[in-house]
Amino acid sequence: MKKSILACFLMLLFLSGVAFAEFEFNQRGDNQTDSLGYYYGITGGLFPTGATPNGDNATGGTFRYLLDDPDWGAYPLNQWNKDDWFPENAGLALTLKYGDTVIYDNNGIEDGSGAGLYDYSNSPNYFPLLYRGYCMVNNFDWIYATYFKLENETTFDTIIGYFDPTAATDQNDPSITYQFDPNSPSIGYHMSIWTAYKDMPETSPESWLPTVPSFTGDAFDSLLYHGTFSVSETGVNRVFPSGMQRAPDPIWRLVYKLDWPITLPAGVYFFSHNAVVLKEVIFGQCSTGIMLFPSEALSLSDSLEGCAAGVKNHGQYVKCVSKVTGNAVSEGIITGAEKGTIQSCAAQSSVGKK
């Protein structure tokens, strides 16, 4: 019997305190670094469940944004806000698959049917699908989430979002560019799905918002449901009007392959994918080079440092580190090779030696 993801979610709340603490609101930009470049979500131009709503807020709108960095200016913090795009924008490009079967697609990128939607070589003044949405949850802390509708109960095991890693130009110095490297060891990825509610049920057309004002989805979140992220080029390009004299930008895919399939009931949802700035695990004076989500890195570093408290000898210390790292491997936080790196640091440490 299939289990609804929502039916399992309350249990996961009790098991995932660290996950929900990962992107807590603190009303400041967590990193504010330009050096890693910027991650921009690509939008889709197909409407599998009808063209209302679409990106134009006059139809109810499909784009919502959430931020936790006051340096963006006069945007409301820590609440979902509506953003007005174009009628041609369905929302962030999203593909859901179950096995090899595509079960939701608002973009046509995977089968090539939508490739022409991103070619504006002959449209000099209007190019709605070339616009992108900034999505970095802990770097200038801003994400987009966009509307999608499932008309039937839907089971899937693969979620695909799409992004543009093209270098961005410094606003103050055009000679400086910042290139986003999709395979950087300092970058991780995150996906979320929220349930939705009608924020103005008395109006027509209907207007929807994500139910929970949080960077963590209440219907699905990659922090809670184990899987594997991968990135690759799609072979589809964003093609600019010839007058702009700009080379085509390759569209990349971000794939989250779940360890087991999940099922969502029929209904309205909001989807987001975003890049995460990772943090190195600090262990004494040892540079581990192990990059994790910030809360995981901090938790593991604290646990490792705790091994030094009150140890009677070096062997006891190394044994404690082995236990901590063994648990981290079992929980999928680090790999066996990374455990070996930390163990080597502990072996070379002077803790417990007389």
Protein backbone atom coordinates (compact mmCIF):
# COMPACT_ATOMS: atom_id res chain seq x y z
CA MET A 1 0.00 0.00 0.00
CA LYS A 2 1.34 3.44 -0.89
CA LYS A 3 1.86 5.84 1.96
CA SER A 4 1.18 9.51 1.50
CA ILE A 5 4.20 11.66 2.20
CA LEU A 6 2.02 13.90 4.34
CA ALA A 7 0.91 11.01 6.49
CA CYS A 8 4.54 10.31 7.39
CA PHE A 9 5.56 13.89 7.94
CA LEU A 10 4.66 14.31 11.62
CA MET A 11 6.89 11.39 12.53
CA LEU A 12 9.74 12.99 10.59
CA LEU A 13 9.32 16.20 12.54
CA PHE A 14 10.42 14.41 15.70
CA LEU A 15 13.40 12.78 13.96
CA SER A 16 14.73 15.81 12.14
CA GLY A 17 15.39 18.64 14.58
CA VAL A 18 18.76 19.37 13.01
CA ALA A 19 17.20 19.48 9.54
CA PHE A 20 14.64 22.09 10.54
CA ALA A 21 17.29 24.12 12.35
CA GLU A 22 19.41 24.20 9.18
CA PHE A 23 17.90 27.32 7.69
CA GLU A 24 16.33 29.07 10.66
CA PHE A 25 15.45 32.74 10.30
CA ASN A 26 18.01 35.02 11.93
CA GLN A 27 17.32 38.26 10.01
CA ARG A 28 20.80 38.49 8.52
CA GLY A 29 22.62 37.21 5.45
CA ASP A 30 24.39 34.02 6.54
CA ASN A 31 27.34 34.34 4.16
CA GLN A 32 26.98 37.24 1.72
CA THR A 33 29.86 36.02 -0.41
CA ASP A 34 30.28 36.82 -4.10
CA SER A 35 33.27 34.54 -4.61
CA LEU A 36 31.18 31.40 -5.24
CA GLY A 37 29.02 33.07 -7.88
CA TYR A 38 25.22 32.99 -7.91
CA TYR A 39 22.66 30.27 -8.51
CA TYR A 40 19.67 31.21 -10.69
CA GLY A 41 16.61 29.05 -11.24
CA ILE A 42 15.30 28.69 -14.80
CA THR A 43 11.56 28.99 -15.46
CA GLY A 44 9.29 26.74 -17.48
CA GLY A 45 6.94 27.79 -20.25
CA LEU A 46 4.51 24.84 -20.44
CA PHE A 47 1.23 24.61 -18.53
CA PRO A 48 0.29 20.95 -17.94
CA THR A 49 -2.73 21.87 -15.78
CA GLY A 50 -3.87 25.05 -17.53
CA ALA A 51 -2.47 28.53 -18.08
CA THR A 52 -4.27 30.06 -15.07
CA PRO A 53 -2.56 30.96 -12.87
CA ASN A 54 0.66 31.99 -14.56
CA GLY A 55 3.51 34.37 -13.76
CA ASP A 56 1.28 37.43 -14.12
CA ASN A 57 -0.21 38.30 -10.72
CA ALA A 58 -3.42 39.39 -12.45
CA THR A 59 -4.11 35.64 -12.87
CA GLY A 60 -3.34 34.87 -9.22
CA GLY A 61 0.37 34.53 -9.89
CA THR A 62 2.75 31.58 -9.56
CA PHE A 63 5.94 33.19 -8.17
CA ARG A 64 6.56 33.63 -4.45
CA TYR A 65 9.77 34.61 -2.71
CA LEU A 66 11.12 34.34 0.83
CA LEU A 67 14.15 36.14 2.25
CA ASP A 68 16.00 36.52 5.53
CA ASP A 69 18.61 39.12 4.60
CA PRO A 70 17.69 42.77 5.30
CA ASP A 71 20.40 44.00 2.94
CA TRP A 72 18.05 43.33 0.02
CA GLY A 73 16.26 46.52 1.03
CA ALA A 74 12.59 47.16 1.74
CA TYR A 75 11.35 43.61 1.13
CA PRO A 76 9.39 41.99 3.98
CA LEU A 77 11.45 39.36 5.80
CA ASN A 78 10.44 35.85 6.86
CA GLN A 79 7.13 35.73 5.01
CA TRP A 80 6.07 34.63 1.56
CA ASN A 81 5.75 37.51 -0.88
CA LYS A 82 4.23 37.64 -4.36
CA ASP A 83 6.37 38.52 -7.36
CA ASP A 84 4.92 39.62 -10.68
CA TRP A 85 6.45 37.92 -13.74
CA PHE A 86 5.10 37.28 -17.26
CA PRO A 87 2.13 35.26 -18.55
CA GLU A 88 4.59 32.97 -20.37
CA ASN A 89 6.29 31.93 -17.12
CA ALA A 90 4.65 28.84 -15.61
CA GLY A 91 7.00 28.89 -12.63
CA LEU A 92 10.39 27.37 -11.89
CA ALA A 93 11.02 24.65 -14.46
CA LEU A 94 10.11 21.32 -12.83
CA THR A 95 10.13 17.71 -13.99
CA LEU A 96 8.91 14.81 -11.84
CA LYS A 97 9.69 11.23 -12.83
CA TYR A 98 8.80 7.77 -11.57
CA GLY A 99 11.38 5.40 -12.93
CA ASP A 100 11.83 6.35 -16.56
CA THR A 101 8.36 7.88 -16.87
CA VAL A 102 7.87 11.65 -16.79
CA ILE A 103 4.74 12.37 -14.75
CA TYR A 104 4.95 16.17 -14.51
CA ASP A 105 6.70 18.56 -16.89
CA ASN A 106 6.26 22.32 -17.24
CA ASN A 107 9.30 22.94 -19.45
CA GLY A 108 9.90 20.35 -22.21
CA ILE A 109 13.66 20.40 -21.62
CA GLU A 110 14.19 16.67 -21.09
CA ASP A 111 12.51 15.56 -24.33
CA GLY A 112 13.54 18.66 -26.28
CA SER A 113 9.97 19.71 -27.02
CA GLY A 114 10.44 22.96 -25.11
CA ALA A 115 13.93 23.85 -26.34
CA GLY A 116 12.55 26.48 -28.71
CA LEU A 117 10.88 28.29 -25.83
CA TYR A 118 14.32 29.49 -24.70
CA ASP A 119 15.41 30.74 -28.14
CA TYR A 120 14.77 34.47 -28.51
CA SER A 121 17.21 35.12 -31.33
CA ASN A 122 14.39 36.67 -33.36
CA SER A 123 12.60 38.45 -30.50
CA PRO A 124 14.53 41.63 -29.80
CA ASN A 125 12.29 43.24 -27.19
CA TYR A 126 10.48 40.50 -25.27
CA PHE A 127 12.08 37.37 -23.79
CA PRO A 128 10.23 36.24 -20.63
CA LEU A 129 11.83 32.77 -20.34
CA LEU A 130 15.32 34.27 -20.30
CA TYR A 131 14.57 35.82 -16.90
CA ARG A 132 15.91 33.86 -13.94
CA GLY A 133 15.22 33.69 -10.21
CA TYR A 134 17.99 34.00 -7.61
CA CYS A 135 17.90 30.99 -5.26
CA MET A 136 20.57 30.72 -2.55
CA VAL A 137 19.11 29.87 0.81
CA ASN A 138 22.11 30.86 2.96
CA ASN A 139 23.93 33.35 0.75
CA PHE A 140 22.12 36.67 0.66
CA ASP A 141 19.31 34.37 1.87
CA TRP A 142 16.64 34.60 -0.86
CA ILE A 143 14.71 31.83 -2.62
CA TYR A 144 11.83 31.54 -5.05
CA ALA A 145 9.08 28.95 -4.79
CA THR A 146 6.52 28.53 -7.54
CA TYR A 147 3.06 27.05 -7.99
CA PHE A 148 2.35 23.65 -9.48
CA LYS A 149 -0.75 21.50 -9.37
CA LEU A 150 -1.16 17.73 -9.22
CA GLU A 151 -4.58 16.69 -10.51
CA ASN A 152 -4.26 13.17 -9.12
CA GLU A 153 -2.37 11.40 -6.35
CA THR A 154 1.16 11.23 -7.73
CA THR A 155 4.11 8.98 -6.92
CA PHE A 156 7.61 9.96 -8.00
CA ASP A 157 11.22 9.12 -7.21
CA THR A 158 13.09 11.83 -9.13
CA ILE A 159 12.81 15.62 -8.95
CA ILE A 160 14.54 17.81 -11.53
CA GLY A 161 15.02 21.56 -11.34
CA TYR A 162 16.97 23.69 -13.80
CA PHE A 163 19.50 26.46 -13.32
CA ASP A 164 21.89 28.83 -15.02
CA PRO A 165 25.50 28.90 -13.71
CA THR A 166 26.63 31.69 -16.03
CA ALA A 167 29.05 34.20 -14.53
CA ALA A 168 27.50 37.36 -13.10
CA THR A 169 29.04 40.81 -13.38
CA ASP A 170 29.80 42.91 -10.32
CA GLN A 171 27.30 45.76 -10.15
CA ASN A 172 29.97 48.25 -9.11
CA ASP A 173 32.83 47.03 -11.29
CA PRO A 174 31.87 45.45 -14.66
CA SER A 175 35.41 44.12 -15.06
CA ILE A 176 34.78 41.67 -12.20
CA THR A 177 32.70 38.54 -12.75
CA TYR A 178 31.67 35.76 -10.39
CA GLN A 179 31.37 32.28 -11.86
CA PHE A 180 29.11 29.72 -10.21
CA ASP A 181 30.75 26.27 -10.34
CA PRO A 182 28.03 23.57 -10.14
CA ASN A 183 30.64 21.03 -8.96
CA SER A 184 32.35 23.23 -6.38
CA PRO A 185 33.13 21.37 -3.11
CA SER A 186 31.90 24.48 -1.30
CA ILE A 187 28.39 24.20 -2.80
CA GLY A 188 25.54 21.88 -1.84
CA TYR A 189 21.94 21.71 -3.00
CA HIS A 190 18.48 21.74 -1.47
CA MET A 191 14.93 21.09 -2.73
CA SER A 192 11.61 21.73 -1.06
CA ILE A 193 7.88 21.35 -1.70
CA TRP A 194 5.25 23.16 0.37
CA THR A 195 1.53 22.59 0.66
CA ALA A 196 -0.53 25.63 -0.34
CA TYR A 197 -3.54 27.59 0.82
CA LYS A 198 -5.77 30.23 -0.73
CA ASP A 199 -4.62 33.46 0.87
CA MET A 200 -7.54 35.41 -0.64
CA PRO A 201 -10.31 32.83 -1.14
CA GLU A 202 -12.93 35.48 -1.82
CA THR A 203 -11.14 36.78 -4.90
CA SER A 204 -11.24 35.61 -8.49
CA PRO A 205 -8.89 34.44 -9.85
CA GLU A 206 -7.64 32.42 -6.89
CA SER A 207 -4.37 33.39 -5.21
CA TRP A 208 -2.20 30.84 -3.43
CA LEU A 209 0.70 30.94 -0.96
CA PRO A 210 2.90 28.24 0.60
CA THR A 211 1.37 27.14 3.89
CA VAL A 212 4.53 27.41 6.00
CA PRO A 213 6.77 30.52 6.08
CA SER A 214 9.99 28.51 6.20
CA PHE A 215 12.97 27.63 4.01
CA THR A 216 12.08 23.98 4.76
CA GLY A 217 9.17 22.48 2.84
CA ASP A 218 6.28 20.98 4.79
CA ALA A 219 5.30 18.47 2.07
CA PHE A 220 8.79 17.40 1.05
CA ASP A 221 12.33 18.47 1.80
CA SER A 222 15.64 16.98 0.70
CA LEU A 223 16.94 17.50 4.25
CA LEU A 224 14.41 14.92 5.43
CA TYR A 225 14.06 12.45 2.57
CA HIS A 226 17.31 10.74 1.67
CA GLY A 227 18.52 10.78 -1.88
CA THR A 228 21.38 11.84 -4.13
CA PHE A 229 21.92 15.13 -5.93
CA SER A 230 23.62 15.33 -9.31
CA VAL A 231 24.15 18.10 -11.85
CA SER A 232 24.65 17.99 -15.62
CA GLU A 233 24.11 20.05 -18.75
CA THR A 234 20.78 19.57 -20.52
CA GLY A 235 21.97 20.41 -24.04
CA VAL A 236 19.35 23.19 -24.18
CA ASN A 237 20.55 26.80 -24.30
CA ARG A 238 19.12 30.17 -23.41
CA VAL A 239 19.51 32.05 -26.71
CA PHE A 240 19.51 35.84 -26.57
CA PRO A 241 18.32 38.35 -29.16
CA SER A 242 21.03 38.86 -31.77
CA GLY A 243 21.21 42.55 -30.95
CA MET A 244 22.41 41.79 -27.41
CA GLN A 245 25.60 40.20 -28.79
CA ARG A 246 25.63 37.64 -26.00
CA ALA A 247 26.65 34.02 -26.34
CA PRO A 248 24.02 31.36 -25.55
CA ASP A 249 23.88 30.18 -21.94
CA PRO A 250 23.69 26.44 -21.27
CA ILE A 251 20.81 25.30 -19.05
CA TRP A 252 21.85 22.83 -16.36
CA ARG A 253 19.70 20.30 -14.53
CA LEU A 254 19.73 19.59 -10.81
CA VAL A 255 18.49 16.05 -10.16
CA TYR A 256 17.44 14.67 -6.79
CA LYS A 257 17.11 10.89 -6.99
CA LEU A 258 15.24 9.67 -3.94
CA ASP A 259 16.26 6.47 -2.17
CA TRP A 260 12.61 5.46 -2.21
CA PRO A 261 9.54 6.86 -4.01
CA ILE A 262 7.11 9.21 -2.31
CA THR A 263 3.47 10.04 -2.96
CA LEU A 264 1.73 13.40 -2.84
CA PRO A 265 -2.06 13.74 -2.77
CA ALA A 266 -3.79 15.71 -5.52
CA GLY A 267 -3.61 19.43 -4.82
CA VAL A 268 -1.71 22.69 -5.20
CA TYR A 269 1.94 22.90 -4.13
CA PHE A 270 4.95 25.20 -4.31
CA PHE A 271 8.40 24.00 -5.40
CA SER A 272 11.89 25.41 -4.85
CA HIS A 273 15.45 24.35 -5.50
CA ASN A 274 18.45 26.31 -4.33
CA ALA A 275 22.18 26.27 -3.73
CA VAL A 276 23.71 26.10 -0.26
CA VAL A 277 27.09 27.41 0.88
CA LEU A 278 28.72 24.55 2.78
CA LYS A 279 30.87 24.76 5.89
CA GLU A 280 34.10 22.90 6.69
CA VAL A 281 34.19 20.50 9.63
CA ILE A 282 36.62 22.01 12.13
CA PHE A 283 38.56 19.54 14.28
CA GLY A 284 41.18 21.10 16.51
CA GLN A 285 44.11 22.38 14.46
CA CYS A 286 43.42 19.88 11.68
CA SER A 287 42.10 21.04 8.30
CA THR A 288 39.71 18.25 7.35
CA GLY A 289 38.55 19.61 3.99
CA ILE A 290 35.16 17.99 4.73
CA MET A 291 32.34 20.29 3.59
CA LEU A 292 28.84 19.78 5.03
CA PHE A 293 25.61 21.68 5.47
CA PRO A 294 26.32 24.28 8.18
CA SER A 295 24.31 22.70 11.00
CA GLU A 296 25.79 19.27 10.28
CA ALA A 297 29.34 20.66 10.23
CA LEU A 298 28.79 22.52 13.50
CA SER A 299 27.15 19.53 15.20
CA LEU A 300 29.91 17.14 14.11
CA SER A 301 32.66 19.59 15.10
CA ASP A 302 31.09 20.02 18.54
CA SER A 303 30.79 16.26 19.04
CA LEU A 304 34.41 15.72 18.03
CA GLU A 305 35.66 18.48 20.32
CA GLY A 306 33.64 16.92 23.12
CA CYS A 307 35.81 13.80 22.89
CA ALA A 308 38.69 15.75 24.41
CA ALA A 309 36.79 16.49 27.62
CA GLY A 310 38.09 14.51 30.58
CA VAL A 311 39.84 11.75 28.62
CA LYS A 312 42.35 9.71 30.61
CA ASN A 313 44.61 8.79 27.73
CA HIS A 314 45.09 9.14 23.97
CA GLY A 315 43.57 5.76 23.23
CA GLN A 316 40.32 6.72 24.94
CA TYR A 317 40.24 9.91 22.88
CA VAL A 318 40.78 8.11 19.58
CA LYS A 319 38.09 5.57 20.53
CA CYS A 320 35.59 8.38 21.18
CA VAL A 321 36.38 10.00 17.82
CA SER A 322 35.90 6.63 16.13
CA LYS A 323 32.47 6.27 17.71
CA VAL A 324 31.39 9.79 16.72
CA THR A 325 32.57 9.37 13.14
CA GLY A 326 31.07 5.88 12.92
CA ASN A 327 27.67 7.29 13.86
CA ALA A 328 28.09 10.06 11.29
CA VAL A 329 28.80 7.46 8.58
CA SER A 330 25.75 5.42 9.63
CA GLU A 331 23.57 8.52 9.39
CA GLY A 332 24.90 9.34 5.92
CA ILE A 333 26.48 12.60 7.05
CA ILE A 334 30.04 11.67 6.03
CA THR A 335 31.62 8.93 3.94
CA GLY A 336 33.94 6.18 5.07
CA ALA A 337 36.86 8.03 3.47
CA GLU A 338 35.97 11.20 5.38
CA LYS A 339 35.81 9.17 8.59
CA GLY A 340 39.36 8.05 7.83
CA THR A 341 40.49 11.66 7.44
CA ILE A 342 39.10 12.58 10.85
CA GLN A 343 40.56 9.46 12.45
CA SER A 344 43.96 10.40 11.06
CA CYS A 345 43.62 13.84 12.62
CA ALA A 346 42.77 12.27 15.97
CA ALA A 347 45.71 9.86 15.79
CA GLN A 348 48.12 12.74 15.20
CA SER A 349 46.62 14.86 17.96
CA SER A 350 48.39 15.32 21.30
CA VAL A 351 45.10 15.02 23.24
CA GLY A 352 45.49 12.49 26.05
CA LYS A 353 49.22 12.08 25.57
CA LYS A 354 51.52 12.66 28.50
